[in-house]
Amino acid sequence: MTHDIAMQKDLIRRQTLEISRSMSCDERHTRSEVIQNQILELPPWRQAETVMLYVHMPHEVATDKLLEQLRQAGRSCVVPKCQGGQIIPCRIDDPESDLAMTPWGVREPWREPLRVVELEELDFVLVPGVAFDRQGNRIGYGRGYYDRFLARLAARTYVLGVGYGWQIVAGCPVEGWDCGVPRVLTEEGMVWEEQAMKEMD
């Protein structure tokens, strides 16, 4: 069963990444701008003092506008560093000088000592993904970093998964260690929000 699920995940990864990488830079930029503007209007974003954002790769929803907004507002900006099988949230001041490219094509904090932030301090966490479904399940790149990280977050932390509309699939295969997200946002708006669903029950 686990082998079958892994194969299903790999198929979804290939399909969604192929679409993402085939889109023009202009289209990705336009859709990313829409998503980032929606995030800037969210009350939890406006109220958050300490925000963790991923630093996007070319095919992912961009976060540059969000990073710049945090910097200009003088709020605490946190970026993930993958180390020892875990995500380490690290505070940065300037993305240009505080981040360096890894061999995997991801920009991460590099200055030692790392300015590690305790998980309890995180008010808002933005989560990337290769695919999501409308129940908050998520498929990442297969290394499990975010699954382990999300499982450790404080209940009060506002967690938001983001992706393009074509990254929303009919269903993400789920294994025991997978950790979903309580809400998912695309350029089409919020496509899943756990709390809203609970209130409707």
C-alpha atoms as a PDB file:
ATOM      1  CA  MET A   1       0.000   0.000   0.000  1.00  0.00           C
ATOM      2  CA  THR A   2       2.753   2.446   0.958  1.00  0.00           C
ATOM      3  CA  HIS A   3       4.542   1.730  -2.321  1.00  0.00           C
ATOM      4  CA  ASP A   4       1.318   2.404  -4.261  1.00  0.00           C
ATOM      5  CA  ILE A   5       0.769   5.695  -2.438  1.00  0.00           C
ATOM      6  CA  ALA A   6       4.353   6.748  -3.123  1.00  0.00           C
ATOM      7  CA  MET A   7       3.846   6.043  -6.821  1.00  0.00           C
ATOM      8  CA  GLN A   8       0.601   8.046  -6.845  1.00  0.00           C
ATOM      9  CA  LYS A   9       2.353  10.971  -5.185  1.00  0.00           C
ATOM     10  CA  ASP A  10       5.203  10.845  -7.699  1.00  0.00           C
ATOM     11  CA  LEU A  11       2.701  10.917 -10.574  1.00  0.00           C
ATOM     12  CA  ILE A  12       0.952  13.983  -9.138  1.00  0.00           C
ATOM     13  CA  ARG A  13       4.324  15.661  -8.577  1.00  0.00           C
ATOM     14  CA  ARG A  14       5.365  15.078 -12.168  1.00  0.00           C
ATOM     15  CA  GLN A  15       2.058  16.330 -13.551  1.00  0.00           C
ATOM     16  CA  THR A  16       1.788  19.504 -11.480  1.00  0.00           C
ATOM     17  CA  LEU A  17       5.469  20.408 -11.740  1.00  0.00           C
ATOM     18  CA  GLU A  18       5.341  19.948 -15.505  1.00  0.00           C
ATOM     19  CA  ILE A  19       2.485  22.444 -15.734  1.00  0.00           C
ATOM     20  CA  SER A  20       4.153  24.885 -13.344  1.00  0.00           C
ATOM     21  CA  ARG A  21       7.434  24.804 -15.237  1.00  0.00           C
ATOM     22  CA  SER A  22       5.707  25.174 -18.616  1.00  0.00           C
ATOM     23  CA  MET A  23       3.906  28.404 -17.706  1.00  0.00           C
ATOM     24  CA  SER A  24       5.403  31.652 -18.925  1.00  0.00           C
ATOM     25  CA  CYS A  25       7.246  33.895 -16.493  1.00  0.00           C
ATOM     26  CA  ASP A  26       4.634  36.604 -17.080  1.00  0.00           C
ATOM     27  CA  GLU A  27       1.759  34.308 -16.174  1.00  0.00           C
ATOM     28  CA  ARG A  28       3.486  33.047 -13.035  1.00  0.00           C
ATOM     29  CA  HIS A  29       4.293  36.620 -12.047  1.00  0.00           C
ATOM     30  CA  THR A  30       0.698  37.779 -12.564  1.00  0.00           C
ATOM     31  CA  ARG A  31      -0.781  34.898 -10.593  1.00  0.00           C
ATOM     32  CA  SER A  32       1.794  35.249  -7.821  1.00  0.00           C
ATOM     33  CA  GLU A  33       0.978  38.950  -7.552  1.00  0.00           C
ATOM     34  CA  VAL A  34      -2.708  38.131  -7.080  1.00  0.00           C
ATOM     35  CA  ILE A  35      -1.930  35.572  -4.375  1.00  0.00           C
ATOM     36  CA  GLN A  36       0.478  37.838  -2.510  1.00  0.00           C
ATOM     37  CA  ASN A  37      -2.033  40.713  -2.574  1.00  0.00           C
ATOM     38  CA  GLN A  38      -4.660  38.421  -1.077  1.00  0.00           C
ATOM     39  CA  ILE A  39      -2.277  37.434   1.717  1.00  0.00           C
ATOM     40  CA  LEU A  40      -1.521  41.083   2.476  1.00  0.00           C
ATOM     41  CA  GLU A  41      -5.245  41.634   3.088  1.00  0.00           C
ATOM     42  CA  LEU A  42      -5.640  38.756   5.555  1.00  0.00           C
ATOM     43  CA  PRO A  43      -6.230  39.930   9.154  1.00  0.00           C
ATOM     44  CA  PRO A  44      -3.854  37.251  10.556  1.00  0.00           C
ATOM     45  CA  TRP A  45      -1.116  38.606   8.277  1.00  0.00           C
ATOM     46  CA  ARG A  46      -1.702  42.163   9.391  1.00  0.00           C
ATOM     47  CA  GLN A  47      -1.735  41.158  13.052  1.00  0.00           C
ATOM     48  CA  ALA A  48       1.281  38.841  12.953  1.00  0.00           C
ATOM     49  CA  GLU A  49       4.493  40.069  14.541  1.00  0.00           C
ATOM     50  CA  THR A  50       6.670  37.089  13.555  1.00  0.00           C
ATOM     51  CA  VAL A  51       6.118  35.611  10.097  1.00  0.00           C
ATOM     52  CA  MET A  52       7.829  32.639   8.461  1.00  0.00           C
ATOM     53  CA  LEU A  53       7.935  32.638   4.663  1.00  0.00           C
ATOM     54  CA  TYR A  54       9.568  30.193   2.291  1.00  0.00           C
ATOM     55  CA  VAL A  55      11.878  31.707  -0.332  1.00  0.00           C
ATOM     56  CA  HIS A  56      10.346  30.695  -3.642  1.00  0.00           C
ATOM     57  CA  MET A  57      11.938  28.744  -6.449  1.00  0.00           C
ATOM     58  CA  PRO A  58      11.133  29.914 -10.018  1.00  0.00           C
ATOM     59  CA  HIS A  59       8.143  27.573 -10.468  1.00  0.00           C
ATOM     60  CA  GLU A  60       6.602  28.326  -7.047  1.00  0.00           C
ATOM     61  CA  VAL A  61       4.263  31.076  -5.910  1.00  0.00           C
ATOM     62  CA  ALA A  62       6.523  34.062  -5.325  1.00  0.00           C
ATOM     63  CA  THR A  63       7.069  35.559  -1.876  1.00  0.00           C
ATOM     64  CA  ASP A  64       9.270  38.536  -2.748  1.00  0.00           C
ATOM     65  CA  LYS A  65       6.532  41.126  -2.222  1.00  0.00           C
ATOM     66  CA  LEU A  66       5.698  39.650   1.178  1.00  0.00           C
ATOM     67  CA  LEU A  67       9.343  39.641   2.232  1.00  0.00           C
ATOM     68  CA  GLU A  68       9.728  43.258   1.207  1.00  0.00           C
ATOM     69  CA  GLN A  69       6.552  44.269   3.024  1.00  0.00           C
ATOM     70  CA  LEU A  70       7.793  42.692   6.245  1.00  0.00           C
ATOM     71  CA  ARG A  71      11.147  44.398   5.851  1.00  0.00           C
ATOM     72  CA  GLN A  72       9.617  47.817   5.245  1.00  0.00           C
ATOM     73  CA  ALA A  73       7.245  47.401   8.191  1.00  0.00           C
ATOM     74  CA  GLY A  74      10.101  46.402  10.475  1.00  0.00           C
ATOM     75  CA  ARG A  75       8.388  43.162  11.426  1.00  0.00           C
ATOM     76  CA  SER A  76      10.207  39.949  12.236  1.00  0.00           C
ATOM     77  CA  CYS A  77      10.861  37.925   9.064  1.00  0.00           C
ATOM     78  CA  VAL A  78      11.723  34.241   9.421  1.00  0.00           C
ATOM     79  CA  VAL A  79      12.954  31.907   6.676  1.00  0.00           C
ATOM     80  CA  PRO A  80      13.328  28.110   6.830  1.00  0.00           C
ATOM     81  CA  LYS A  81      16.690  26.361   6.776  1.00  0.00           C
ATOM     82  CA  CYS A  82      16.718  22.604   6.193  1.00  0.00           C
ATOM     83  CA  GLN A  83      19.329  20.950   8.379  1.00  0.00           C
ATOM     84  CA  GLY A  84      19.598  17.536   9.984  1.00  0.00           C
ATOM     85  CA  GLY A  85      16.280  16.421   8.533  1.00  0.00           C
ATOM     86  CA  GLN A  86      14.437  19.333  10.157  1.00  0.00           C
ATOM     87  CA  ILE A  87      13.290  22.830   9.248  1.00  0.00           C
ATOM     88  CA  ILE A  88      15.027  25.416  11.403  1.00  0.00           C
ATOM     89  CA  PRO A  89      13.218  28.781  11.429  1.00  0.00           C
ATOM     90  CA  CYS A  90      15.804  31.574  11.212  1.00  0.00           C
ATOM     91  CA  ARG A  91      15.297  35.310  11.496  1.00  0.00           C
ATOM     92  CA  ILE A  92      16.749  37.452   8.696  1.00  0.00           C
ATOM     93  CA  ASP A  93      17.042  41.181   8.043  1.00  0.00           C
ATOM     94  CA  ASP A  94      17.918  41.427   4.358  1.00  0.00           C
ATOM     95  CA  PRO A  95      17.174  38.613   1.866  1.00  0.00           C
ATOM     96  CA  GLU A  96      19.942  39.824  -0.440  1.00  0.00           C
ATOM     97  CA  SER A  97      22.729  39.514   2.121  1.00  0.00           C
ATOM     98  CA  ASP A  98      21.339  36.991   4.604  1.00  0.00           C
ATOM     99  CA  LEU A  99      20.440  34.226   2.123  1.00  0.00           C
ATOM    100  CA  ALA A 100      22.663  32.004  -0.038  1.00  0.00           C
ATOM    101  CA  MET A 101      21.825  29.447  -2.719  1.00  0.00           C
ATOM    102  CA  THR A 102      22.004  25.789  -1.703  1.00  0.00           C
ATOM    103  CA  PRO A 103      22.976  22.936  -4.061  1.00  0.00           C
ATOM    104  CA  TRP A 104      19.230  22.155  -4.293  1.00  0.00           C
ATOM    105  CA  GLY A 105      18.432  25.543  -5.774  1.00  0.00           C
ATOM    106  CA  VAL A 106      16.844  27.000  -2.641  1.00  0.00           C
ATOM    107  CA  ARG A 107      18.018  30.178  -0.934  1.00  0.00           C
ATOM    108  CA  GLU A 108      18.533  29.683   2.804  1.00  0.00           C
ATOM    109  CA  PRO A 109      20.047  31.573   5.751  1.00  0.00           C
ATOM    110  CA  TRP A 110      23.808  31.089   5.849  1.00  0.00           C
ATOM    111  CA  ARG A 111      25.265  33.457   8.441  1.00  0.00           C
ATOM    112  CA  GLU A 112      26.624  31.818  11.575  1.00  0.00           C
ATOM    113  CA  PRO A 113      25.452  31.739  14.239  1.00  0.00           C
ATOM    114  CA  LEU A 114      21.950  31.205  12.895  1.00  0.00           C
ATOM    115  CA  ARG A 115      19.325  33.401  14.509  1.00  0.00           C
ATOM    116  CA  VAL A 116      16.995  30.551  15.413  1.00  0.00           C
ATOM    117  CA  VAL A 117      13.412  31.401  16.327  1.00  0.00           C
ATOM    118  CA  GLU A 118      11.418  29.260  18.748  1.00  0.00           C
ATOM    119  CA  LEU A 119       8.349  27.649  17.195  1.00  0.00           C
ATOM    120  CA  GLU A 120       6.101  29.232  19.823  1.00  0.00           C
ATOM    121  CA  GLU A 121       7.096  32.679  18.524  1.00  0.00           C
ATOM    122  CA  LEU A 122       5.717  32.074  15.020  1.00  0.00           C
ATOM    123  CA  ASP A 123       2.423  33.873  14.432  1.00  0.00           C
ATOM    124  CA  PHE A 124       2.052  33.164  10.707  1.00  0.00           C
ATOM    125  CA  VAL A 125       3.623  30.414   8.570  1.00  0.00           C
ATOM    126  CA  LEU A 126       3.372  30.248   4.772  1.00  0.00           C
ATOM    127  CA  VAL A 127       3.710  26.725   3.380  1.00  0.00           C
ATOM    128  CA  PRO A 128       4.598  25.806  -0.220  1.00  0.00           C
ATOM    129  CA  GLY A 129       3.575  22.576  -1.867  1.00  0.00           C
ATOM    130  CA  VAL A 130       3.676  20.703  -5.135  1.00  0.00           C
ATOM    131  CA  ALA A 131      -0.029  19.870  -4.832  1.00  0.00           C
ATOM    132  CA  PHE A 132      -2.943  20.329  -2.444  1.00  0.00           C
ATOM    133  CA  ASP A 133      -6.491  19.044  -2.340  1.00  0.00           C
ATOM    134  CA  ARG A 134      -9.673  20.678  -1.044  1.00  0.00           C
ATOM    135  CA  GLN A 135      -9.377  18.917   2.313  1.00  0.00           C
ATOM    136  CA  GLY A 136      -6.034  20.502   3.144  1.00  0.00           C
ATOM    137  CA  ASN A 137      -3.885  17.490   2.286  1.00  0.00           C
ATOM    138  CA  ARG A 138      -0.532  18.378   0.791  1.00  0.00           C
ATOM    139  CA  ILE A 139       2.151  16.814  -1.387  1.00  0.00           C
ATOM    140  CA  GLY A 140       5.641  18.274  -1.080  1.00  0.00           C
ATOM    141  CA  TYR A 141       8.905  17.296  -2.695  1.00  0.00           C
ATOM    142  CA  GLY A 142       9.098  13.993  -0.863  1.00  0.00           C
ATOM    143  CA  ARG A 143      11.619  14.688   1.877  1.00  0.00           C
ATOM    144  CA  GLY A 144       9.106  15.238   4.685  1.00  0.00           C
ATOM    145  CA  TYR A 145      10.599  18.467   6.016  1.00  0.00           C
ATOM    146  CA  TYR A 146       7.303  20.332   6.248  1.00  0.00           C
ATOM    147  CA  ASP A 147       5.414  17.289   7.551  1.00  0.00           C
ATOM    148  CA  ARG A 148       7.752  17.128  10.529  1.00  0.00           C
ATOM    149  CA  PHE A 149       7.760  20.892  10.975  1.00  0.00           C
ATOM    150  CA  LEU A 150       3.987  21.406  10.814  1.00  0.00           C
ATOM    151  CA  ALA A 151       3.394  18.660  13.353  1.00  0.00           C
ATOM    152  CA  ARG A 152       5.464  20.636  15.893  1.00  0.00           C
ATOM    153  CA  LEU A 153       3.839  24.059  15.480  1.00  0.00           C
ATOM    154  CA  ALA A 154       1.799  25.682  18.226  1.00  0.00           C
ATOM    155  CA  ALA A 155      -1.963  25.418  17.747  1.00  0.00           C
ATOM    156  CA  ARG A 156      -2.311  29.217  17.721  1.00  0.00           C
ATOM    157  CA  THR A 157      -0.002  29.673  14.699  1.00  0.00           C
ATOM    158  CA  TYR A 158      -1.848  30.684  11.529  1.00  0.00           C
ATOM    159  CA  VAL A 159      -0.727  28.227   8.846  1.00  0.00           C
ATOM    160  CA  LEU A 160      -1.500  28.911   5.178  1.00  0.00           C
ATOM    161  CA  GLY A 161      -0.696  26.656   2.239  1.00  0.00           C
ATOM    162  CA  VAL A 162      -0.295  28.420  -1.112  1.00  0.00           C
ATOM    163  CA  GLY A 163      -0.254  27.195  -4.684  1.00  0.00           C
ATOM    164  CA  TYR A 164      -1.514  27.989  -8.160  1.00  0.00           C
ATOM    165  CA  GLY A 165      -4.958  26.850  -9.226  1.00  0.00           C
ATOM    166  CA  TRP A 166      -3.557  23.947 -11.241  1.00  0.00           C
ATOM    167  CA  GLN A 167      -1.887  22.608  -8.098  1.00  0.00           C
ATOM    168  CA  ILE A 168      -5.274  21.814  -6.560  1.00  0.00           C
ATOM    169  CA  VAL A 169      -5.966  18.150  -7.306  1.00  0.00           C
ATOM    170  CA  ALA A 170      -8.962  15.904  -6.749  1.00  0.00           C
ATOM    171  CA  GLY A 171      -7.241  14.109  -3.883  1.00  0.00           C
ATOM    172  CA  CYS A 172      -3.766  13.814  -2.401  1.00  0.00           C
ATOM    173  CA  PRO A 173      -2.790  10.290  -1.328  1.00  0.00           C
ATOM    174  CA  VAL A 174      -2.069  10.346   2.393  1.00  0.00           C
ATOM    175  CA  GLU A 175       0.351   8.331   4.515  1.00  0.00           C
ATOM    176  CA  GLY A 176       0.506   8.206   8.295  1.00  0.00           C
ATOM    177  CA  TRP A 177       3.274  10.789   8.617  1.00  0.00           C
ATOM    178  CA  ASP A 178       1.740  13.323   6.223  1.00  0.00           C
ATOM    179  CA  CYS A 179       0.671  16.587   7.807  1.00  0.00           C
ATOM    180  CA  GLY A 180      -1.858  18.730   5.977  1.00  0.00           C
ATOM    181  CA  VAL A 181      -2.618  22.447   6.309  1.00  0.00           C
ATOM    182  CA  PRO A 182      -5.727  24.076   7.817  1.00  0.00           C
ATOM    183  CA  ARG A 183      -6.249  26.364   4.818  1.00  0.00           C
ATOM    184  CA  VAL A 184      -5.140  26.658   1.177  1.00  0.00           C
ATOM    185  CA  LEU A 185      -5.013  29.814  -0.954  1.00  0.00           C
ATOM    186  CA  THR A 186      -4.643  30.141  -4.738  1.00  0.00           C
ATOM    187  CA  GLU A 187      -5.156  33.010  -7.160  1.00  0.00           C
ATOM    188  CA  GLU A 188      -8.831  31.986  -7.082  1.00  0.00           C
ATOM    189  CA  GLY A 189      -9.077  32.693  -3.344  1.00  0.00           C
ATOM    190  CA  MET A 190      -9.282  30.429  -0.320  1.00  0.00           C
ATOM    191  CA  VAL A 191     -10.117  26.969  -1.661  1.00  0.00           C
ATOM    192  CA  TRP A 192     -10.027  25.257   1.724  1.00  0.00           C
ATOM    193  CA  GLU A 193     -10.317  26.526   5.271  1.00  0.00           C
ATOM    194  CA  GLU A 194     -10.743  24.069   8.103  1.00  0.00           C
ATOM    195  CA  GLN A 195     -12.262  26.511  10.590  1.00  0.00           C
ATOM    196  CA  ALA A 196     -14.867  27.681   8.097  1.00  0.00           C
ATOM    197  CA  MET A 197     -15.850  24.077   7.424  1.00  0.00           C
ATOM    198  CA  LYS A 198     -16.195  23.401  11.156  1.00  0.00           C
ATOM    199  CA  GLU A 199     -18.477  26.399  11.560  1.00  0.00           C
ATOM    200  CA  MET A 200     -20.699  25.097   8.769  1.00  0.00           C
ATOM    201  CA  ASP A 201     -21.158  21.698  10.457  1.00  0.00           C
END
